[in-house]
Amino acid sequence: MKITVRETPKGMEVYVPKKDLEEIVVESEKPGIWGGWAKLSNGWTFEMPDLDAPKLPITVDARRLSVE
């Protein structure tokens, strides 16, 4: 699923265009969210690609792991 990641004053934010959804990253497996899972404030968890501190905002392919 294509998602866009950007930095905001509140923290990392993920935008999912197909769902018109903007949510803050509340928990992640690794610092900086890249290369592990990232949990959003709505409960969704994504497997994030392994990138080395990319310039933000960036659009990436991420796999949704769960929906709470």
PDB file of N, CA and C in Angstrom:
ATOM      1  N   MET A   1       0.855  -1.159   0.000  1.00  0.00           N
ATOM      2  CA  MET A   1       0.000   0.000   0.000  1.00  0.00           C
ATOM      3  C   MET A   1       0.912   1.236   0.000  1.00  0.00           C
ATOM      4  N   LYS A   2       0.604   2.191  -0.843  1.00  0.00           N
ATOM      5  CA  LYS A   2       1.371   3.435  -0.893  1.00  0.00           C
ATOM      6  C   LYS A   2       0.966   4.329   0.273  1.00  0.00           C
ATOM      7  N   ILE A   3       1.971   4.813   1.005  1.00  0.00           N
ATOM      8  CA  ILE A   3       1.724   5.750   2.093  1.00  0.00           C
ATOM      9  C   ILE A   3       2.745   6.878   1.995  1.00  0.00           C
ATOM     10  N   THR A   4       2.401   8.023   2.547  1.00  0.00           N
ATOM     11  CA  THR A   4       3.324   9.147   2.601  1.00  0.00           C
ATOM     12  C   THR A   4       3.661   9.413   4.056  1.00  0.00           C
ATOM     13  N   VAL A   5       4.954   9.549   4.330  1.00  0.00           N
ATOM     14  CA  VAL A   5       5.441   9.807   5.689  1.00  0.00           C
ATOM     15  C   VAL A   5       6.010  11.215   5.719  1.00  0.00           C
ATOM     16  N   ARG A   6       5.624  11.976   6.752  1.00  0.00           N
ATOM     17  CA  ARG A   6       6.168  13.324   6.909  1.00  0.00           C
ATOM     18  C   ARG A   6       6.370  13.610   8.388  1.00  0.00           C
ATOM     19  N   GLU A   7       7.220  14.595   8.658  1.00  0.00           N
ATOM     20  CA  GLU A   7       7.481  15.028  10.033  1.00  0.00           C
ATOM     21  C   GLU A   7       6.572  16.208  10.338  1.00  0.00           C
ATOM     22  N   THR A   8       5.920  16.181  11.500  1.00  0.00           N
ATOM     23  CA  THR A   8       5.069  17.279  11.948  1.00  0.00           C
ATOM     24  C   THR A   8       5.525  17.680  13.349  1.00  0.00           C
ATOM     25  N   PRO A   9       5.037  18.795  13.867  1.00  0.00           N
ATOM     26  CA  PRO A   9       5.384  19.172  15.253  1.00  0.00           C
ATOM     27  C   PRO A   9       4.964  18.112  16.281  1.00  0.00           C
ATOM     28  N   LYS A  10       3.949  17.312  15.954  1.00  0.00           N
ATOM     29  CA  LYS A  10       3.474  16.262  16.862  1.00  0.00           C
ATOM     30  C   LYS A  10       4.291  14.977  16.742  1.00  0.00           C
ATOM     31  N   GLY A  11       5.066  14.835  15.666  1.00  0.00           N
ATOM     32  CA  GLY A  11       5.839  13.618  15.413  1.00  0.00           C
ATOM     33  C   GLY A  11       5.651  13.158  13.986  1.00  0.00           C
ATOM     34  N   MET A  12       6.076  11.934  13.700  1.00  0.00           N
ATOM     35  CA  MET A  12       5.933  11.368  12.356  1.00  0.00           C
ATOM     36  C   MET A  12       4.454  11.138  12.068  1.00  0.00           C
ATOM     37  N   GLU A  13       4.045  11.487  10.853  1.00  0.00           N
ATOM     38  CA  GLU A  13       2.659  11.318  10.442  1.00  0.00           C
ATOM     39  C   GLU A  13       2.625  10.519   9.156  1.00  0.00           C
ATOM     40  N   VAL A  14       1.645   9.626   9.058  1.00  0.00           N
ATOM     41  CA  VAL A  14       1.450   8.798   7.870  1.00  0.00           C
ATOM     42  C   VAL A  14       0.139   9.199   7.224  1.00  0.00           C
ATOM     43  N   TYR A  15       0.185   9.389   5.894  1.00  0.00           N
ATOM     44  CA  TYR A  15      -1.022   9.671   5.121  1.00  0.00           C
ATOM     45  C   TYR A  15      -1.263   8.495   4.179  1.00  0.00           C
ATOM     46  N   VAL A  16      -2.484   7.945   4.216  1.00  0.00           N
ATOM     47  CA  VAL A  16      -2.873   6.836   3.354  1.00  0.00           C
ATOM     48  C   VAL A  16      -3.878   7.382   2.340  1.00  0.00           C
ATOM     49  N   PRO A  17      -3.426   7.651   1.094  1.00  0.00           N
ATOM     50  CA  PRO A  17      -4.299   8.296   0.104  1.00  0.00           C
ATOM     51  C   PRO A  17      -5.572   7.515  -0.212  1.00  0.00           C
ATOM     52  N   LYS A  18      -5.490   6.186  -0.329  1.00  0.00           N
ATOM     53  CA  LYS A  18      -6.672   5.393  -0.686  1.00  0.00           C
ATOM     54  C   LYS A  18      -7.779   5.488   0.358  1.00  0.00           C
ATOM     55  N   LYS A  19      -7.402   5.754   1.591  1.00  0.00           N
ATOM     56  CA  LYS A  19      -8.376   5.857   2.692  1.00  0.00           C
ATOM     57  C   LYS A  19      -8.584   7.300   3.141  1.00  0.00           C
ATOM     58  N   ASP A  20      -7.850   8.245   2.539  1.00  0.00           N
ATOM     59  CA  ASP A  20      -7.870   9.650   2.943  1.00  0.00           C
ATOM     60  C   ASP A  20      -7.712   9.749   4.459  1.00  0.00           C
ATOM     61  N   LEU A  21      -6.638   9.136   4.947  1.00  0.00           N
ATOM     62  CA  LEU A  21      -6.403   8.966   6.374  1.00  0.00           C
ATOM     63  C   LEU A  21      -5.059   9.572   6.753  1.00  0.00           C
ATOM     64  N   GLU A  22      -5.032  10.410   7.773  1.00  0.00           N
ATOM     65  CA  GLU A  22      -3.804  10.969   8.332  1.00  0.00           C
ATOM     66  C   GLU A  22      -3.738  10.585   9.797  1.00  0.00           C
ATOM     67  N   GLU A  23      -2.670   9.879  10.181  1.00  0.00           N
ATOM     68  CA  GLU A  23      -2.519   9.432  11.567  1.00  0.00           C
ATOM     69  C   GLU A  23      -1.081   9.600  12.017  1.00  0.00           C
ATOM     70  N   ILE A  24      -0.888   9.842  13.296  1.00  0.00           N
ATOM     71  CA  ILE A  24       0.425   9.989  13.907  1.00  0.00           C
ATOM     72  C   ILE A  24       0.980   8.603  14.258  1.00  0.00           C
ATOM     73  N   VAL A  25       2.288   8.417  14.073  1.00  0.00           N
ATOM     74  CA  VAL A  25       2.959   7.193  14.498  1.00  0.00           C
ATOM     75  C   VAL A  25       3.126   7.267  16.018  1.00  0.00           C
ATOM     76  N   VAL A  26       2.550   6.296  16.740  1.00  0.00           N
ATOM     77  CA  VAL A  26       2.584   6.312  18.201  1.00  0.00           C
ATOM     78  C   VAL A  26       3.587   5.326  18.780  1.00  0.00           C
ATOM     79  N   GLU A  27       4.015   4.355  17.977  1.00  0.00           N
ATOM     80  CA  GLU A  27       4.943   3.337  18.451  1.00  0.00           C
ATOM     81  C   GLU A  27       5.656   2.750  17.245  1.00  0.00           C
ATOM     82  N   SER A  28       6.926   2.389  17.415  1.00  0.00           N
ATOM     83  CA  SER A  28       7.658   1.756  16.320  1.00  0.00           C
ATOM     84  C   SER A  28       8.665   0.760  16.867  1.00  0.00           C
ATOM     85  N   GLU A  29       8.965  -0.232  16.034  1.00  0.00           N
ATOM     86  CA  GLU A  29       9.918  -1.272  16.422  1.00  0.00           C
ATOM     87  C   GLU A  29      11.328  -0.715  16.531  1.00  0.00           C
ATOM     88  N   LYS A  30      11.681   0.194  15.605  1.00  0.00           N
ATOM     89  CA  LYS A  30      13.024   0.772  15.569  1.00  0.00           C
ATOM     90  C   LYS A  30      12.932   2.290  15.628  1.00  0.00           C
ATOM     91  N   PRO A  31      13.957   2.951  16.148  1.00  0.00           N
ATOM     92  CA  PRO A  31      13.957   4.425  16.141  1.00  0.00           C
ATOM     93  C   PRO A  31      13.905   4.939  14.703  1.00  0.00           C
ATOM     94  N   GLY A  32      13.091   5.940  14.461  1.00  0.00           N
ATOM     95  CA  GLY A  32      12.985   6.490  13.117  1.00  0.00           C
ATOM     96  C   GLY A  32      12.022   5.750  12.205  1.00  0.00           C
ATOM     97  N   ILE A  33      11.381   4.726  12.645  1.00  0.00           N
ATOM     98  CA  ILE A  33      10.353   3.899  11.994  1.00  0.00           C
ATOM     99  C   ILE A  33      10.815   3.056  10.815  1.00  0.00           C
ATOM    100  N   TRP A  34      12.001   3.237  10.293  1.00  0.00           N
ATOM    101  CA  TRP A  34      12.410   2.534   9.060  1.00  0.00           C
ATOM    102  C   TRP A  34      12.982   1.154   9.360  1.00  0.00           C
ATOM    103  N   GLY A  35      12.498   0.143   8.616  1.00  0.00           N
ATOM    104  CA  GLY A  35      13.029  -1.213   8.728  1.00  0.00           C
ATOM    105  C   GLY A  35      12.335  -2.088   9.748  1.00  0.00           C
ATOM    106  N   GLY A  36      11.231  -1.671  10.264  1.00  0.00           N
ATOM    107  CA  GLY A  36      10.470  -2.471  11.231  1.00  0.00           C
ATOM    108  C   GLY A  36       9.002  -2.115  11.118  1.00  0.00           C
ATOM    109  N   TRP A  37       8.265  -2.378  12.171  1.00  0.00           N
ATOM    110  CA  TRP A  37       6.846  -2.027  12.149  1.00  0.00           C
ATOM    111  C   TRP A  37       6.644  -0.658  12.790  1.00  0.00           C
ATOM    112  N   ALA A  38       5.551  -0.016  12.371  1.00  0.00           N
ATOM    113  CA  ALA A  38       5.152   1.273  12.936  1.00  0.00           C
ATOM    114  C   ALA A  38       3.655   1.228  13.191  1.00  0.00           C
ATOM    115  N   LYS A  39       3.249   1.591  14.413  1.00  0.00           N
ATOM    116  CA  LYS A  39       1.835   1.582  14.788  1.00  0.00           C
ATOM    117  C   LYS A  39       1.300   3.003  14.751  1.00  0.00           C
ATOM    118  N   LEU A  40       0.133   3.177  14.130  1.00  0.00           N
ATOM    119  CA  LEU A  40      -0.503   4.487  14.022  1.00  0.00           C
ATOM    120  C   LEU A  40      -1.493   4.702  15.158  1.00  0.00           C
ATOM    121  N   SER A  41      -1.906   5.944  15.345  1.00  0.00           N
ATOM    122  CA  SER A  41      -2.820   6.280  16.440  1.00  0.00           C
ATOM    123  C   SER A  41      -4.196   5.636  16.293  1.00  0.00           C
ATOM    124  N   ASN A  42      -4.558   5.208  15.084  1.00  0.00           N
ATOM    125  CA  ASN A  42      -5.854   4.542  14.901  1.00  0.00           C
ATOM    126  C   ASN A  42      -5.762   3.031  15.101  1.00  0.00           C
ATOM    127  N   GLY A  43      -4.547   2.517  15.415  1.00  0.00           N
ATOM    128  CA  GLY A  43      -4.374   1.093  15.670  1.00  0.00           C
ATOM    129  C   GLY A  43      -3.778   0.308  14.520  1.00  0.00           C
ATOM    130  N   TRP A  44      -3.723   0.873  13.326  1.00  0.00           N
ATOM    131  CA  TRP A  44      -3.138   0.169  12.191  1.00  0.00           C
ATOM    132  C   TRP A  44      -1.639   0.023  12.408  1.00  0.00           C
ATOM    133  N   THR A  45      -1.088  -1.119  11.953  1.00  0.00           N
ATOM    134  CA  THR A  45       0.343  -1.358  12.013  1.00  0.00           C
ATOM    135  C   THR A  45       0.850  -1.631  10.607  1.00  0.00           C
ATOM    136  N   PHE A  46       1.952  -0.977  10.246  1.00  0.00           N
ATOM    137  CA  PHE A  46       2.558  -1.142   8.929  1.00  0.00           C
ATOM    138  C   PHE A  46       3.970  -1.684   9.062  1.00  0.00           C
ATOM    139  N   GLU A  47       4.352  -2.563   8.140  1.00  0.00           N
ATOM    140  CA  GLU A  47       5.741  -2.981   8.002  1.00  0.00           C
ATOM    141  C   GLU A  47       6.407  -1.961   7.088  1.00  0.00           C
ATOM    142  N   MET A  48       7.383  -1.244   7.618  1.00  0.00           N
ATOM    143  CA  MET A  48       8.008  -0.142   6.895  1.00  0.00           C
ATOM    144  C   MET A  48       9.247  -0.624   6.150  1.00  0.00           C
ATOM    145  N   PRO A  49       9.540  -0.035   4.989  1.00  0.00           N
ATOM    146  CA  PRO A  49      10.743  -0.413   4.250  1.00  0.00           C
ATOM    147  C   PRO A  49      12.002   0.012   5.014  1.00  0.00           C
ATOM    148  N   ASP A  50      13.095  -0.675   4.738  1.00  0.00           N
ATOM    149  CA  ASP A  50      14.365  -0.383   5.400  1.00  0.00           C
ATOM    150  C   ASP A  50      15.096   0.715   4.625  1.00  0.00           C
ATOM    151  N   LEU A  51      14.972   1.948   5.105  1.00  0.00           N
ATOM    152  CA  LEU A  51      15.603   3.096   4.468  1.00  0.00           C
ATOM    153  C   LEU A  51      16.521   3.785   5.467  1.00  0.00           C
ATOM    154  N   ASP A  52      17.574   4.416   4.968  1.00  0.00           N
ATOM    155  CA  ASP A  52      18.523   5.128   5.826  1.00  0.00           C
ATOM    156  C   ASP A  52      18.187   6.605   5.883  1.00  0.00           C
ATOM    157  N   ALA A  53      17.390   7.008   6.860  1.00  0.00           N
ATOM    158  CA  ALA A  53      17.038   8.412   7.101  1.00  0.00           C
ATOM    159  C   ALA A  53      16.737   9.181   5.815  1.00  0.00           C
ATOM    160  N   PRO A  54      15.643   8.822   5.116  1.00  0.00           N
ATOM    161  CA  PRO A  54      15.314   9.513   3.869  1.00  0.00           C
ATOM    162  C   PRO A  54      14.849  10.946   4.121  1.00  0.00           C
ATOM    163  N   LYS A  55      14.931  11.757   3.087  1.00  0.00           N
ATOM    164  CA  LYS A  55      14.417  13.121   3.164  1.00  0.00           C
ATOM    165  C   LYS A  55      12.884  13.045   3.175  1.00  0.00           C
ATOM    166  N   LEU A  56      12.269  13.747   4.097  1.00  0.00           N
ATOM    167  CA  LEU A  56      10.808  13.732   4.240  1.00  0.00           C
ATOM    168  C   LEU A  56      10.213  15.001   3.672  1.00  0.00           C
ATOM    169  N   PRO A  57       9.024  14.975   3.139  1.00  0.00           N
ATOM    170  CA  PRO A  57       8.104  13.836   3.047  1.00  0.00           C
ATOM    171  C   PRO A  57       8.544  12.858   1.960  1.00  0.00           C
ATOM    172  N   ILE A  58       8.127  11.600   2.133  1.00  0.00           N
ATOM    173  CA  ILE A  58       8.461  10.547   1.183  1.00  0.00           C
ATOM    174  C   ILE A  58       7.274   9.609   1.048  1.00  0.00           C
ATOM    175  N   THR A  59       7.032   9.122  -0.176  1.00  0.00           N
ATOM    176  CA  THR A  59       5.988   8.130  -0.432  1.00  0.00           C
ATOM    177  C   THR A  59       6.667   6.783  -0.621  1.00  0.00           C
ATOM    178  N   VAL A  60       6.193   5.776   0.112  1.00  0.00           N
ATOM    179  CA  VAL A  60       6.794   4.445   0.085  1.00  0.00           C
ATOM    180  C   VAL A  60       5.708   3.383  -0.003  1.00  0.00           C
ATOM    181  N   ASP A  61       6.122   2.166  -0.346  1.00  0.00           N
ATOM    182  CA  ASP A  61       5.244   1.008  -0.267  1.00  0.00           C
ATOM    183  C   ASP A  61       5.427   0.378   1.103  1.00  0.00           C
ATOM    184  N   ALA A  62       4.346   0.229   1.849  1.00  0.00           N
ATOM    185  CA  ALA A  62       4.387  -0.406   3.164  1.00  0.00           C
ATOM    186  C   ALA A  62       3.268  -1.439   3.224  1.00  0.00           C
ATOM    187  N   ARG A  63       3.507  -2.504   3.955  1.00  0.00           N
ATOM    188  CA  ARG A  63       2.506  -3.552   4.076  1.00  0.00           C
ATOM    189  C   ARG A  63       1.763  -3.395   5.393  1.00  0.00           C
ATOM    190  N   ARG A  64       0.445  -3.354   5.309  1.00  0.00           N
ATOM    191  CA  ARG A  64      -0.366  -3.249   6.531  1.00  0.00           C
ATOM    192  C   ARG A  64      -0.399  -4.614   7.204  1.00  0.00           C
ATOM    193  N   LEU A  65      -0.034  -4.633   8.481  1.00  0.00           N
ATOM    194  CA  LEU A  65       0.031  -5.896   9.228  1.00  0.00           C
ATOM    195  C   LEU A  65      -1.239  -6.168  10.015  1.00  0.00           C
ATOM    196  N   SER A  66      -1.883  -5.116  10.546  1.00  0.00           N
ATOM    197  CA  SER A  66      -3.065  -5.348  11.366  1.00  0.00           C
ATOM    198  C   SER A  66      -3.979  -4.138  11.354  1.00  0.00           C
ATOM    199  N   VAL A  67      -5.220  -4.388  11.734  1.00  0.00           N
ATOM    200  CA  VAL A  67      -6.218  -3.340  11.909  1.00  0.00           C
ATOM    201  C   VAL A  67      -6.886  -3.609  13.239  1.00  0.00           C
ATOM    202  N   GLU A  68      -6.857  -2.641  14.153  1.00  0.00           N
ATOM    203  CA  GLU A  68      -7.514  -2.841  15.455  1.00  0.00           C
ATOM    204  C   GLU A  68      -8.869  -2.194  15.458  1.00  0.00           C
TER     205      GLU A  68
END
